Amino acid sequence: MNFETSITSDTDLLDPDGAAQRRRKRNMWIVAVLAVLAALAAAYFFFGGTGSEGGAAAGADKQGQAQTVSVIAPGRDTIARSISATGTLAARREIPVGVVGEGGQVSQVFVDAGDWVQQGQVLASIERSVQSQQIIGQEAQINAARADLQLAQNELDRAMQLVNRGFISKADVDRKTATRDSARARVGIAEAQLRELRARTARLDIRAPVGGFVLERNVEPGQTVTQGSGVLFRMAKGGELELQAQLGEAELAGIAVGVPATVTPVGSDRQFTGTIWQISPTINAQSRQGIARIALPFDRALKPGGFASVEIKAGAVTAAILPESAIQNDRDGSFVYIVTAQNKVQRRPVKTGIVTQEGIAISEGLDGTERVVLYAGGFLNPDETVTPKLVKSASQGKAK
């Protein structure tokens, strides 16, 4: 080896250009070999290794290492459909009470807010000394008219006895008959005037037009009132109350008269059962809401003007129920991923419905027999092969 080295060295010394050329050829061979090795490594990386997602997924599928996902078969459950809303408590039929007659100074007030009254009961009385004297004077006029009537009747009776004897003419009898009839008419006029005075005086009593519960009292003794004084009392007819619940258009379409509801006043843990007795025929153009009026029995815990929440029982629906994690959303709407019999992922559009404690009801898109991906739907692609792992739903666990 020392000899060859010495010969090479001597040759290089004798022919330096040839030595340089040989070194360049040797370097080119080395570069070519490295390029071939790099190409082989790249081919292995893309086609046989783990360099891309597509290659990795294909390799995993070939080796039986598909991604494991949790799935549920939700089935179908019957769900009690309820609508939650808020509203204001009020009298079902509120009756304002004011001055009916000519008015005057209030002498007495007999009831207060919170009292029950009967129809026709006196709520307040107005001073009537002038009207009382007018009645007395009219009664005296009636007595005078009756006396004139009696006198005219007596004269007519005597004239009738004398006309047959020829002591009095038929014309005199006619005049006395007219006098008697005139006196009788004056008695009738006086009696009618007395009834009018008594009716006017009676209207000085402010009476309850209906039986019910007094909500407000806005008058005190000594106060001067007239027909322009406004409302002196407010009453709830029969004590009947209601909740005026504000509902959207879609919610109004899902209820009907007679549907039961549970009302809870703000600040109270008591619940009151009522029924819808009227649904607003119109919708507010600004809020897009209408009013459902819920009749309630009288209870002093229900205060008109107060605020309350209500849960309306709007029937029941049968649907598949999914947890929120299983439902995806994009610009095309809500959808879920289901796993087919071939363990392929498939996108399925759905329409969501009622939200319950167990999950969200699917009103359209599922019949409940599908295997729905429970988690990680955002990391899957349609037609991807997976290994499904069945998980029991909350409703299935309760049923068992």
Protein backbone atom coordinates (compact mmCIF):
# COMPACT_ATOMS: atom_id res chain seq x y z
CA MET A 1 0.00 0.00 0.00
CA ASN A 2 2.89 2.34 0.65
CA PHE A 3 4.22 1.53 -2.76
CA GLU A 4 0.88 2.29 -4.46
CA THR A 5 0.56 5.45 -2.52
CA SER A 6 3.94 6.52 -3.50
CA ILE A 7 3.20 5.74 -7.13
CA THR A 8 -0.06 7.69 -7.04
CA SER A 9 1.65 10.56 -5.40
CA ASP A 10 4.38 10.49 -7.92
CA THR A 11 1.81 10.33 -10.75
CA ASP A 12 -0.09 13.24 -9.31
CA LEU A 13 3.08 15.18 -9.12
CA LEU A 14 3.94 14.30 -12.70
CA ASP A 15 0.37 14.95 -14.03
CA PRO A 16 -1.49 17.44 -11.75
CA ASP A 17 -4.27 18.14 -14.31
CA GLY A 18 -5.18 14.47 -14.59
CA ALA A 19 -5.35 14.13 -10.83
CA ALA A 20 -7.79 17.04 -10.55
CA GLN A 21 -9.96 15.54 -13.26
CA ARG A 22 -10.10 12.22 -11.50
CA ARG A 23 -11.13 13.91 -8.24
CA ARG A 24 -14.00 15.73 -9.99
CA LYS A 25 -15.29 12.47 -11.49
CA ARG A 26 -15.15 10.80 -8.08
CA ASN A 27 -17.16 13.68 -6.48
CA MET A 28 -19.79 13.51 -9.25
CA TRP A 29 -20.27 9.79 -8.58
CA ILE A 30 -20.71 10.49 -4.88
CA VAL A 31 -23.33 13.21 -5.60
CA ALA A 32 -25.21 10.88 -7.97
CA VAL A 33 -25.34 8.11 -5.37
CA LEU A 34 -26.62 10.54 -2.72
CA ALA A 35 -29.34 11.78 -5.12
CA VAL A 36 -30.53 8.24 -5.78
CA LEU A 37 -30.65 7.52 -2.06
CA ALA A 38 -32.64 10.74 -1.45
CA ALA A 39 -35.14 9.80 -4.18
CA LEU A 40 -35.63 6.36 -2.65
CA ALA A 41 -36.15 7.89 0.78
CA ALA A 42 -38.72 10.33 -0.60
CA ALA A 43 -40.61 7.56 -2.36
CA TYR A 44 -40.72 5.56 0.83
CA PHE A 45 -41.84 8.65 2.77
CA PHE A 46 -44.78 9.42 0.46
CA PHE A 47 -45.89 5.96 -0.53
CA GLY A 48 -44.89 3.62 2.21
CA GLY A 49 -44.22 5.75 5.26
CA THR A 50 -46.20 8.20 7.43
CA GLY A 51 -45.46 11.52 5.77
CA SER A 52 -49.03 12.59 4.72
CA GLU A 53 -52.51 12.24 6.22
CA GLY A 54 -53.83 10.38 3.18
CA GLY A 55 -50.88 7.96 3.23
CA ALA A 56 -51.18 7.56 6.99
CA ALA A 57 -54.91 6.87 6.84
CA ALA A 58 -54.48 4.40 3.99
CA GLY A 59 -51.65 2.64 5.78
CA ALA A 60 -53.62 2.56 9.01
CA ASP A 61 -56.64 1.11 7.23
CA LYS A 62 -54.50 -1.55 5.61
CA GLN A 63 -53.02 -2.46 8.97
CA GLY A 64 -56.42 -2.48 10.81
CA GLN A 65 -55.63 0.69 12.81
CA ALA A 66 -58.69 2.89 11.89
CA GLN A 67 -59.56 5.73 14.29
CA THR A 68 -61.85 4.65 17.16
CA VAL A 69 -64.89 6.91 17.70
CA SER A 70 -67.70 6.80 20.29
CA VAL A 71 -71.17 6.39 18.79
CA ILE A 72 -74.72 6.15 20.17
CA ALA A 73 -77.94 4.72 18.81
CA PRO A 74 -80.36 7.23 20.32
CA GLY A 75 -83.66 5.49 19.58
CA ARG A 76 -86.83 7.57 19.91
CA ASP A 77 -88.32 9.02 23.12
CA THR A 78 -91.58 10.79 23.93
CA ILE A 79 -90.83 14.29 25.16
CA ALA A 80 -93.25 16.53 27.02
CA ARG A 81 -93.16 19.76 25.01
CA SER A 82 -93.14 22.86 27.17
CA ILE A 83 -92.79 26.57 26.50
CA SER A 84 -91.19 28.90 29.03
CA ALA A 85 -92.16 32.56 29.09
CA THR A 86 -92.63 35.56 31.34
CA GLY A 87 -95.45 38.05 31.75
CA THR A 88 -97.42 40.39 33.97
CA LEU A 89 -100.12 39.42 36.45
CA ALA A 90 -103.41 41.30 36.03
CA ALA A 91 -107.11 41.10 36.74
CA ARG A 92 -108.84 39.01 34.14
CA ARG A 93 -111.67 41.55 33.99
CA GLU A 94 -110.70 44.86 35.58
CA ILE A 95 -113.67 47.12 36.41
CA PRO A 96 -113.07 50.86 36.99
CA VAL A 97 -115.60 52.54 39.26
CA GLY A 98 -116.25 56.31 39.27
CA VAL A 99 -118.95 58.89 39.94
CA VAL A 100 -122.22 58.16 38.17
CA GLY A 101 -124.34 61.08 39.42
CA GLU A 102 -123.73 64.78 39.72
CA GLY A 103 -121.11 64.34 42.43
CA GLY A 104 -120.38 66.37 45.54
CA GLN A 105 -118.42 66.03 48.74
CA VAL A 106 -117.59 62.48 49.87
CA SER A 107 -119.02 61.86 53.32
CA GLN A 108 -117.96 58.24 53.88
CA VAL A 109 -115.82 55.52 52.29
CA PHE A 110 -116.85 52.01 53.31
CA VAL A 111 -114.23 49.75 51.68
CA ASP A 112 -110.51 49.65 51.15
CA ALA A 113 -108.14 47.95 48.71
CA GLY A 114 -108.03 44.22 49.38
CA ASP A 115 -111.72 43.93 50.40
CA TRP A 116 -114.27 41.63 48.82
CA VAL A 117 -117.57 43.30 47.88
CA GLN A 118 -120.93 42.16 46.55
CA GLN A 119 -122.70 43.54 43.52
CA GLY A 120 -124.60 46.71 44.48
CA GLN A 121 -122.71 47.21 47.74
CA VAL A 122 -122.06 50.87 48.65
CA LEU A 123 -118.37 51.68 48.33
CA ALA A 124 -118.59 55.39 49.20
CA SER A 125 -121.30 57.94 49.91
CA ILE A 126 -121.61 61.61 48.88
CA GLU A 127 -123.19 64.26 51.10
CA ARG A 128 -126.88 64.73 50.17
CA SER A 129 -128.48 67.34 52.46
CA VAL A 130 -129.77 69.43 49.54
CA GLN A 131 -131.24 66.42 47.76
CA SER A 132 -132.97 65.32 50.97
CA GLN A 133 -134.77 68.68 51.27
CA GLN A 134 -135.81 68.50 47.63
CA ILE A 135 -137.35 65.10 48.27
CA ILE A 136 -139.27 66.41 51.26
CA GLY A 137 -140.62 69.32 49.21
CA GLN A 138 -141.68 67.03 46.40
CA GLU A 139 -143.48 64.69 48.79
CA ALA A 140 -145.46 67.73 50.04
CA GLN A 141 -146.43 68.61 46.46
CA ILE A 142 -147.70 65.10 45.98
CA ASN A 143 -149.87 65.36 49.06
CA ALA A 144 -151.32 68.68 47.78
CA ALA A 145 -152.02 67.19 44.37
CA ARG A 146 -153.74 64.22 45.96
CA ALA A 147 -155.92 66.56 48.02
CA ASP A 148 -156.94 68.42 44.86
CA LEU A 149 -157.70 65.10 43.22
CA GLN A 150 -159.88 64.02 46.13
CA LEU A 151 -161.82 67.32 46.05
CA ALA A 152 -162.39 67.08 42.30
CA GLN A 153 -163.59 63.49 42.66
CA ASN A 154 -166.09 64.45 45.40
CA GLU A 155 -167.53 67.30 43.31
CA LEU A 156 -167.89 64.99 40.33
CA ASP A 157 -169.71 62.39 42.44
CA ARG A 158 -172.24 64.99 43.70
CA ALA A 159 -172.77 66.33 40.20
CA MET A 160 -173.56 62.85 38.95
CA GLN A 161 -176.30 62.53 41.58
CA LEU A 162 -177.86 65.87 40.62
CA VAL A 163 -177.74 65.50 36.85
CA ASN A 164 -180.52 62.90 36.88
CA ARG A 165 -182.78 65.30 38.79
CA GLY A 166 -182.16 68.08 36.36
CA PHE A 167 -180.40 70.38 38.84
CA ILE A 168 -177.15 70.40 36.87
CA SER A 169 -176.44 70.26 33.17
CA LYS A 170 -174.53 67.65 31.30
CA ALA A 171 -171.91 70.27 30.42
CA ASP A 172 -171.21 70.94 34.10
CA VAL A 173 -170.63 67.22 34.62
CA ASP A 174 -168.13 67.19 31.76
CA ARG A 175 -166.23 70.11 33.23
CA LYS A 176 -166.03 68.47 36.66
CA THR A 177 -164.86 65.24 35.05
CA ALA A 178 -162.06 67.12 33.27
CA THR A 179 -161.10 68.82 36.53
CA ARG A 180 -160.88 65.44 38.26
CA ASP A 181 -158.71 63.99 35.45
CA SER A 182 -156.43 67.02 35.51
CA ALA A 183 -155.93 66.64 39.27
CA ARG A 184 -155.15 62.95 38.82
CA ALA A 185 -152.52 63.81 36.17
CA ARG A 186 -150.87 66.34 38.48
CA VAL A 187 -150.57 63.64 41.13
CA GLY A 188 -148.85 61.35 38.59
CA ILE A 189 -146.43 64.12 37.55
CA ALA A 190 -145.53 64.88 41.15
CA GLU A 191 -144.93 61.22 41.92
CA ALA A 192 -142.69 60.85 38.86
CA GLN A 193 -140.68 63.88 39.93
CA LEU A 194 -140.27 62.35 43.39
CA ARG A 195 -138.98 59.11 41.90
CA GLU A 196 -136.53 61.09 39.79
CA LEU A 197 -135.23 62.94 42.84
CA ARG A 198 -134.84 59.72 44.76
CA ALA A 199 -132.99 58.09 41.84
CA ARG A 200 -130.63 61.09 41.56
CA THR A 201 -130.02 60.94 45.28
CA ALA A 202 -129.35 57.20 45.16
CA ARG A 203 -126.70 57.82 42.49
CA LEU A 204 -124.77 59.77 45.09
CA ASP A 205 -123.91 56.36 46.52
CA ILE A 206 -120.93 54.88 44.65
CA ARG A 207 -121.83 51.20 44.36
CA ALA A 208 -120.01 48.10 43.13
CA PRO A 209 -121.24 47.31 39.60
CA VAL A 210 -120.18 43.67 40.08
CA GLY A 211 -119.05 41.44 42.90
CA GLY A 212 -115.33 41.05 43.24
CA PHE A 213 -112.04 42.09 44.78
CA VAL A 214 -111.11 45.74 45.35
CA LEU A 215 -107.70 46.42 43.81
CA GLU A 216 -107.42 50.19 44.31
CA ARG A 217 -109.06 52.92 46.37
CA ASN A 218 -108.47 56.48 45.14
CA VAL A 219 -110.92 58.52 47.23
CA GLU A 220 -111.06 59.83 50.81
CA PRO A 221 -113.82 61.40 52.98
CA GLY A 222 -114.09 65.16 52.46
CA GLN A 223 -112.92 64.93 48.86
CA THR A 224 -115.07 66.66 46.25
CA VAL A 225 -115.76 64.42 43.29
CA THR A 226 -117.55 64.83 39.97
CA GLN A 227 -117.96 62.76 36.81
CA GLY A 228 -114.61 64.17 35.67
CA SER A 229 -112.76 62.98 38.78
CA GLY A 230 -111.66 59.75 37.14
CA VAL A 231 -111.51 56.27 38.65
CA LEU A 232 -112.22 56.13 42.37
CA PHE A 233 -112.00 52.32 42.74
CA ARG A 234 -110.61 49.47 40.64
CA MET A 235 -112.04 45.98 40.98
CA ALA A 236 -111.21 42.49 39.75
CA LYS A 237 -114.51 41.01 38.65
CA GLY A 238 -115.14 37.87 40.67
CA GLY A 239 -111.53 38.06 41.92
CA GLU A 240 -110.43 36.36 38.68
CA LEU A 241 -106.77 36.89 37.78
CA GLU A 242 -104.58 36.10 34.79
CA LEU A 243 -101.00 36.09 33.56
CA GLN A 244 -100.39 37.93 30.29
CA ALA A 245 -97.52 35.87 28.89
CA GLN A 246 -95.43 37.27 26.04
CA LEU A 247 -94.79 34.62 23.35
CA GLY A 248 -93.22 34.62 19.91
CA GLU A 249 -95.13 33.85 16.73
CA ALA A 250 -93.89 30.25 16.51
CA GLU A 251 -94.73 29.59 20.16
CA LEU A 252 -98.23 31.02 19.79
CA ALA A 253 -98.81 28.69 16.87
CA GLY A 254 -97.96 25.71 19.08
CA ILE A 255 -100.53 26.31 21.83
CA ALA A 256 -104.32 26.37 22.09
CA VAL A 257 -107.06 27.52 24.45
CA GLY A 258 -107.41 25.12 27.38
CA VAL A 259 -103.73 24.13 27.52
CA PRO A 260 -102.52 23.90 31.15
CA ALA A 261 -99.73 26.11 32.49
CA THR A 262 -97.77 26.52 35.72
CA VAL A 263 -97.16 30.07 36.97
CA THR A 264 -94.45 31.09 39.46
CA PRO A 265 -94.50 34.71 40.74
CA VAL A 266 -91.15 36.46 41.03
CA GLY A 267 -89.78 36.26 44.56
CA SER A 268 -91.92 33.26 45.45
CA ASP A 269 -91.38 29.51 45.28
CA ARG A 270 -95.12 28.82 45.10
CA GLN A 271 -96.57 27.54 41.86
CA PHE A 272 -100.11 28.11 40.60
CA THR A 273 -101.89 26.04 38.00
CA GLY A 274 -103.92 27.80 35.34
CA THR A 275 -105.13 27.33 31.78
CA ILE A 276 -104.88 29.43 28.65
CA TRP A 277 -108.26 31.09 28.11
CA GLN A 278 -107.38 33.49 25.31
CA ILE A 279 -104.65 33.79 22.65
CA SER A 280 -103.93 37.19 21.17
CA PRO A 281 -105.35 37.47 17.63
CA THR A 282 -102.67 40.00 16.69
CA ILE A 283 -98.85 40.20 16.77
CA ASN A 284 -96.90 43.28 17.81
CA ALA A 285 -95.20 44.58 14.67
CA GLN A 286 -92.07 45.72 16.55
CA SER A 287 -91.44 42.87 19.01
CA ARG A 288 -93.01 40.10 16.85
CA GLN A 289 -94.72 38.78 19.95
CA GLY A 290 -98.29 38.16 21.06
CA ILE A 291 -100.03 37.55 24.38
CA ALA A 292 -101.35 34.28 25.78
CA ARG A 293 -103.73 35.02 28.67
CA ILE A 294 -103.63 32.36 31.39
CA ALA A 295 -106.56 32.26 33.82
CA LEU A 296 -105.62 31.81 37.48
CA PRO A 297 -107.66 31.23 40.63
CA PHE A 298 -107.72 34.03 43.19
CA ASP A 299 -104.91 34.00 45.72
CA ARG A 300 -103.54 36.91 47.71
CA ALA A 301 -100.03 35.82 46.74
CA LEU A 302 -100.88 36.74 43.14
CA LYS A 303 -100.60 40.51 42.96
CA PRO A 304 -101.81 42.27 39.79
CA GLY A 305 -99.01 44.26 38.23
CA GLY A 306 -96.40 41.79 39.43
CA PHE A 307 -94.05 39.76 37.26
CA ALA A 308 -94.15 35.97 36.91
CA SER A 309 -92.69 33.14 34.87
CA VAL A 310 -94.79 30.43 33.26
CA GLU A 311 -94.25 26.97 31.83
CA ILE A 312 -96.89 26.01 29.30
CA LYS A 313 -97.53 22.34 28.59
CA ALA A 314 -97.75 22.23 24.81
CA GLY A 315 -98.25 18.50 24.23
CA ALA A 316 -95.63 15.85 23.50
CA VAL A 317 -93.42 14.84 20.59
CA THR A 318 -91.58 11.61 19.77
CA ALA A 319 -88.03 12.14 18.51
CA ALA A 320 -84.41 11.04 18.79
CA ILE A 321 -82.43 12.89 21.48
CA LEU A 322 -78.75 13.66 21.05
CA PRO A 323 -76.23 15.36 23.33
CA GLU A 324 -75.02 18.72 22.14
CA SER A 325 -71.54 17.31 21.40
CA ALA A 326 -72.96 15.13 18.60
CA ILE A 327 -74.47 18.02 16.64
CA GLN A 328 -72.32 20.08 14.27
CA ASN A 329 -73.19 23.35 12.55
CA ASP A 330 -71.93 25.14 9.49
CA ARG A 331 -73.30 27.54 6.89
CA ASP A 332 -75.51 24.78 5.50
CA GLY A 333 -77.17 24.21 8.88
CA SER A 334 -77.08 21.51 11.54
CA PHE A 335 -75.74 18.04 10.80
CA VAL A 336 -74.39 14.90 12.47
CA TYR A 337 -71.93 12.20 11.43
CA ILE A 338 -73.29 8.67 11.34
CA VAL A 339 -71.33 5.44 10.92
CA THR A 340 -72.65 3.13 8.20
CA ALA A 341 -72.71 -0.66 8.25
CA GLN A 342 -69.36 -0.57 6.43
CA ASN A 343 -67.94 1.61 9.26
CA LYS A 344 -67.75 4.60 6.93
CA VAL A 345 -68.44 8.12 8.19
CA GLN A 346 -71.40 9.80 6.52
CA ARG A 347 -72.72 13.33 6.97
CA ARG A 348 -76.46 13.60 7.72
CA PRO A 349 -78.31 16.97 7.81
CA VAL A 350 -80.77 17.29 10.72
CA LYS A 351 -83.27 19.74 12.14
CA THR A 352 -83.12 20.38 15.88
CA GLY A 353 -86.15 20.81 18.11
CA ILE A 354 -86.83 20.94 21.83
CA VAL A 355 -83.94 21.27 24.30
CA THR A 356 -84.32 18.90 27.27
CA GLN A 357 -82.18 17.92 30.24
CA GLU A 358 -81.08 14.78 28.36
CA GLY A 359 -80.12 16.65 25.19
CA ILE A 360 -81.53 18.16 22.01
CA ALA A 361 -84.43 16.55 20.19
CA ILE A 362 -83.93 15.91 16.48
CA SER A 363 -87.21 16.68 14.75
CA GLU A 364 -86.03 15.76 11.24
CA GLY A 365 -83.18 13.71 9.76
CA LEU A 366 -82.91 10.68 12.09
CA ASP A 367 -85.17 7.75 12.90
CA GLY A 368 -83.15 6.76 15.99
CA THR A 369 -81.62 3.56 14.66
CA GLU A 370 -78.47 5.17 13.27
CA ARG A 371 -75.07 5.05 14.93
CA VAL A 372 -74.28 8.70 15.54
CA VAL A 373 -70.76 9.94 16.28
CA LEU A 374 -70.80 11.28 19.82
CA TYR A 375 -67.55 13.26 20.00
CA ALA A 376 -64.84 14.68 17.75
CA GLY A 377 -67.10 15.02 14.73
CA GLY A 378 -65.11 18.06 13.68
CA PHE A 379 -62.01 15.89 13.10
CA LEU A 380 -63.70 13.42 10.78
CA ASN A 381 -64.21 13.44 7.03
CA PRO A 382 -67.02 11.89 5.01
CA ASP A 383 -66.25 8.34 3.79
CA GLU A 384 -63.47 7.95 6.35
CA THR A 385 -63.22 4.46 7.84
CA VAL A 386 -63.49 4.33 11.64
CA THR A 387 -63.83 1.81 14.42
CA PRO A 388 -67.14 2.56 16.23
CA LYS A 389 -67.47 2.13 19.99
CA LEU A 390 -71.12 2.04 21.10
CA VAL A 391 -72.04 4.16 24.14
CA LYS A 392 -75.40 4.12 25.92
CA SER A 393 -77.41 7.34 25.84
CA ALA A 394 -78.69 9.00 29.01
CA SER A 395 -82.30 7.99 28.28
CA GLN A 396 -81.27 4.38 27.70
CA GLY A 397 -79.41 4.34 30.98
CA LYS A 398 -82.49 5.65 32.84
CA ALA A 399 -84.76 3.12 31.15
CA LYS A 400 -82.52 0.30 32.25
